[in-house]
Amino acid sequence: MASALVDEQDFREVMAGVCAPVTVVTTTQGGTPHGATVSAFASLSLRPPMVSLALDRASGLLARVLATERFGVNVLGADQHETARTFARRTPDRFRALAWRYDHGLPRLTDAPGWLVCELTSVAEGGDHLLLLGTAVHADTSAAAPLVYGHRTFGTHSAFAPHPTPERPLAAGPLTTPTP
């Protein structure tokens, strides 16, 4: 006997409470950089070093990654919520206002503390998304508090995050560390 599927809105509400890393996934096609904000990203394997990410089937970035079979992952830091918003919008030139450069032939955001260069290994069906598995062929990182997304807002959770003190209060806005 088949079970009924959970209501879509109920599913969204539960998943909103799951904190996710915030990345900007990039590729280049025809000499033009392309990128989008992706929170459906995770480490998959250490041997070989692999990651997974999910992209909507209607995503322009998905078509380009499938065509080039390469992608970069910019792991954003806690202060990069505006970068995440920029790449979440469907605007034609998301790279114009940001510092970036080519690294291993892929667009790398200069200020992102984490960077992976990946070769597309396989693709799996996943409802209205495709799950992309990539093998990391280059990595670079610097210590920084990560940008995460949960309860429909950006924030951070890290020992690297600033903690409130009388001399150094937390900044106002969505990127504040909750007090215990």
Protein backbone atom coordinates (compact mmCIF):
# COMPACT_ATOMS: atom_id res chain seq x y z
CA MET A 1 0.00 0.00 0.00
CA ALA A 2 1.52 3.33 -1.10
CA SER A 3 1.73 6.14 1.44
CA ALA A 4 0.47 9.62 0.59
CA LEU A 5 3.16 12.23 0.10
CA VAL A 6 3.63 14.92 2.71
CA ASP A 7 2.04 18.29 1.91
CA GLU A 8 4.48 20.50 -0.03
CA GLN A 9 4.12 23.45 2.37
CA ASP A 10 4.66 21.22 5.42
CA PHE A 11 7.81 19.83 3.76
CA ARG A 12 9.07 23.36 3.05
CA GLU A 13 8.54 24.40 6.67
CA VAL A 14 10.49 21.44 8.02
CA MET A 15 13.33 21.94 5.53
CA ALA A 16 13.49 25.67 6.32
CA GLY A 17 14.80 24.68 9.74
CA VAL A 18 17.72 22.74 8.28
CA CYS A 19 20.80 24.96 8.08
CA ALA A 20 22.62 24.66 4.78
CA PRO A 21 25.98 25.98 3.57
CA VAL A 22 25.80 28.80 1.06
CA THR A 23 27.88 28.52 -2.09
CA VAL A 24 28.09 30.14 -5.49
CA VAL A 25 28.57 27.47 -8.12
CA THR A 26 30.21 28.69 -11.33
CA THR A 27 31.20 27.57 -14.78
CA THR A 28 32.36 29.16 -18.02
CA GLN A 29 30.86 28.59 -21.42
CA GLY A 30 31.88 30.38 -24.57
CA GLY A 31 34.25 32.61 -22.60
CA THR A 32 31.41 33.93 -20.43
CA PRO A 33 31.25 33.33 -16.66
CA HIS A 34 28.03 31.93 -15.20
CA GLY A 35 27.04 31.31 -11.59
CA ALA A 36 24.20 30.80 -9.15
CA THR A 37 23.71 30.60 -5.40
CA VAL A 38 23.38 26.98 -4.27
CA SER A 39 22.62 25.77 -0.75
CA ALA A 40 22.03 22.12 -1.74
CA PHE A 41 25.74 21.33 -1.49
CA ALA A 42 27.59 18.71 0.56
CA SER A 43 30.79 16.75 0.90
CA LEU A 44 30.24 13.24 -0.47
CA SER A 45 33.48 11.25 -0.35
CA LEU A 46 37.08 11.58 0.77
CA ARG A 47 38.52 8.81 -1.45
CA PRO A 48 38.17 10.13 -4.09
CA PRO A 49 37.38 13.69 -2.96
CA MET A 50 33.81 14.26 -4.14
CA VAL A 51 30.95 16.70 -3.56
CA SER A 52 27.27 16.70 -4.40
CA LEU A 53 25.03 19.57 -5.38
CA ALA A 54 21.48 19.83 -6.63
CA LEU A 55 20.31 22.21 -9.35
CA ASP A 56 16.79 22.88 -10.56
CA ARG A 57 16.09 21.31 -13.94
CA ALA A 58 15.15 24.76 -15.30
CA SER A 59 18.44 26.32 -14.17
CA GLY A 60 20.53 27.92 -16.89
CA LEU A 61 23.61 27.01 -14.85
CA LEU A 62 22.62 23.33 -14.92
CA ALA A 63 22.59 23.26 -18.72
CA ARG A 64 26.02 24.90 -18.82
CA VAL A 65 27.57 22.55 -16.24
CA LEU A 66 26.20 19.55 -18.13
CA ALA A 67 27.68 20.93 -21.36
CA THR A 68 31.13 21.76 -19.94
CA GLU A 69 31.33 18.93 -17.37
CA ARG A 70 33.19 21.26 -14.97
CA PHE A 71 32.16 23.56 -12.16
CA GLY A 72 33.66 25.67 -9.40
CA VAL A 73 32.30 25.95 -5.88
CA ASN A 74 32.82 29.21 -4.00
CA VAL A 75 32.07 28.51 -0.33
CA LEU A 76 30.88 31.85 1.04
CA GLY A 77 31.91 33.47 4.31
CA ALA A 78 29.59 34.96 6.94
CA ASP A 79 29.91 38.50 5.57
CA GLN A 80 28.93 37.54 1.99
CA HIS A 81 25.14 37.51 2.24
CA GLU A 82 24.88 40.21 -0.45
CA THR A 83 26.98 38.05 -2.78
CA ALA A 84 24.56 35.18 -2.14
CA ARG A 85 21.60 37.45 -2.93
CA THR A 86 23.25 38.74 -6.11
CA PHE A 87 23.77 35.23 -7.48
CA ALA A 88 20.27 34.14 -6.40
CA ARG A 89 18.71 36.76 -8.70
CA ARG A 90 18.11 36.07 -12.36
CA THR A 91 20.09 39.04 -13.64
CA PRO A 92 22.24 38.81 -16.77
CA ASP A 93 25.64 39.91 -15.41
CA ARG A 94 26.00 38.83 -11.80
CA PHE A 95 29.79 39.13 -11.93
CA ARG A 96 29.91 42.83 -12.84
CA ALA A 97 29.82 44.25 -9.29
CA LEU A 98 32.05 41.63 -7.64
CA ALA A 99 35.76 40.91 -7.52
CA TRP A 100 36.47 37.64 -9.32
CA ARG A 101 39.11 35.98 -11.48
CA TYR A 102 39.62 32.79 -13.43
CA ASP A 103 41.17 29.95 -11.45
CA HIS A 104 41.73 26.68 -13.33
CA GLY A 105 39.54 28.12 -16.09
CA LEU A 106 36.52 28.71 -13.81
CA PRO A 107 35.15 31.91 -12.23
CA ARG A 108 36.36 32.26 -8.65
CA LEU A 109 35.00 34.93 -6.33
CA THR A 110 38.08 36.61 -4.88
CA ASP A 111 36.67 37.06 -1.37
CA ALA A 112 35.16 33.57 -0.94
CA PRO A 113 37.11 31.72 1.76
CA GLY A 114 36.56 28.29 0.18
CA TRP A 115 37.18 27.21 -3.41
CA LEU A 116 36.83 23.87 -5.19
CA VAL A 117 37.40 23.01 -8.84
CA CYS A 118 35.33 19.98 -9.80
CA GLU A 119 34.92 17.67 -12.75
CA LEU A 120 31.39 16.36 -13.25
CA THR A 121 31.43 12.64 -12.42
CA SER A 122 27.78 11.66 -12.62
CA VAL A 123 24.21 12.93 -12.62
CA ALA A 124 21.21 11.44 -10.82
CA GLU A 125 17.50 12.16 -11.10
CA GLY A 126 16.02 13.90 -8.07
CA GLY A 127 12.45 15.07 -8.65
CA ASP A 128 12.45 18.63 -10.00
CA HIS A 129 16.24 18.80 -9.53
CA LEU A 130 19.27 16.92 -10.80
CA LEU A 131 21.89 15.77 -8.33
CA LEU A 132 25.39 16.44 -9.66
CA LEU A 133 28.36 14.52 -8.30
CA GLY A 134 31.74 16.09 -8.84
CA THR A 135 35.31 15.04 -8.20
CA ALA A 136 37.43 17.81 -6.68
CA VAL A 137 40.66 18.35 -8.60
CA HIS A 138 41.79 21.53 -6.79
CA ALA A 139 40.97 23.09 -3.41
CA ASP A 140 41.90 26.28 -1.61
CA THR A 141 40.66 27.62 1.71
CA SER A 142 41.21 30.24 4.38
CA ALA A 143 39.85 30.24 7.92
CA ALA A 144 36.59 32.17 8.08
CA ALA A 145 33.15 31.87 9.60
CA PRO A 146 30.84 30.21 7.05
CA LEU A 147 27.65 31.68 5.63
CA VAL A 148 24.70 29.40 6.31
CA TYR A 149 21.01 29.58 5.41
CA GLY A 150 18.28 28.48 7.78
CA HIS A 151 14.75 29.58 8.61
CA ARG A 152 14.84 31.64 5.39
CA THR A 153 17.63 33.91 6.57
CA PHE A 154 21.42 34.08 6.34
CA GLY A 155 23.58 33.66 9.39
CA THR A 156 26.58 31.82 10.73
CA HIS A 157 27.49 29.26 13.34
CA SER A 158 31.17 28.94 13.97
CA ALA A 159 33.97 29.33 16.47
CA PHE A 160 35.35 31.82 13.95
CA ALA A 161 32.27 34.04 14.30
CA PRO A 162 32.52 37.20 16.38
CA HIS A 163 30.85 36.92 19.77
CA PRO A 164 29.16 39.88 21.46
CA THR A 165 31.08 41.74 24.13
CA PRO A 166 30.42 45.17 25.65
CA GLU A 167 33.29 46.50 23.51
CA ARG A 168 32.19 44.71 20.32
CA PRO A 169 28.40 44.32 19.89
CA LEU A 170 27.08 42.18 17.06
CA ALA A 171 26.23 43.90 13.81
CA ALA A 172 22.56 44.57 13.12
CA GLY A 173 20.81 42.64 10.39
CA PRO A 174 20.43 39.01 9.44
CA LEU A 175 24.06 38.02 10.02
CA THR A 176 24.12 37.92 13.77
CA THR A 177 25.22 35.12 16.02
CA PRO A 178 22.44 34.10 18.43
CA THR A 179 23.27 34.53 22.10
CA PRO A 180 22.98 31.41 24.25
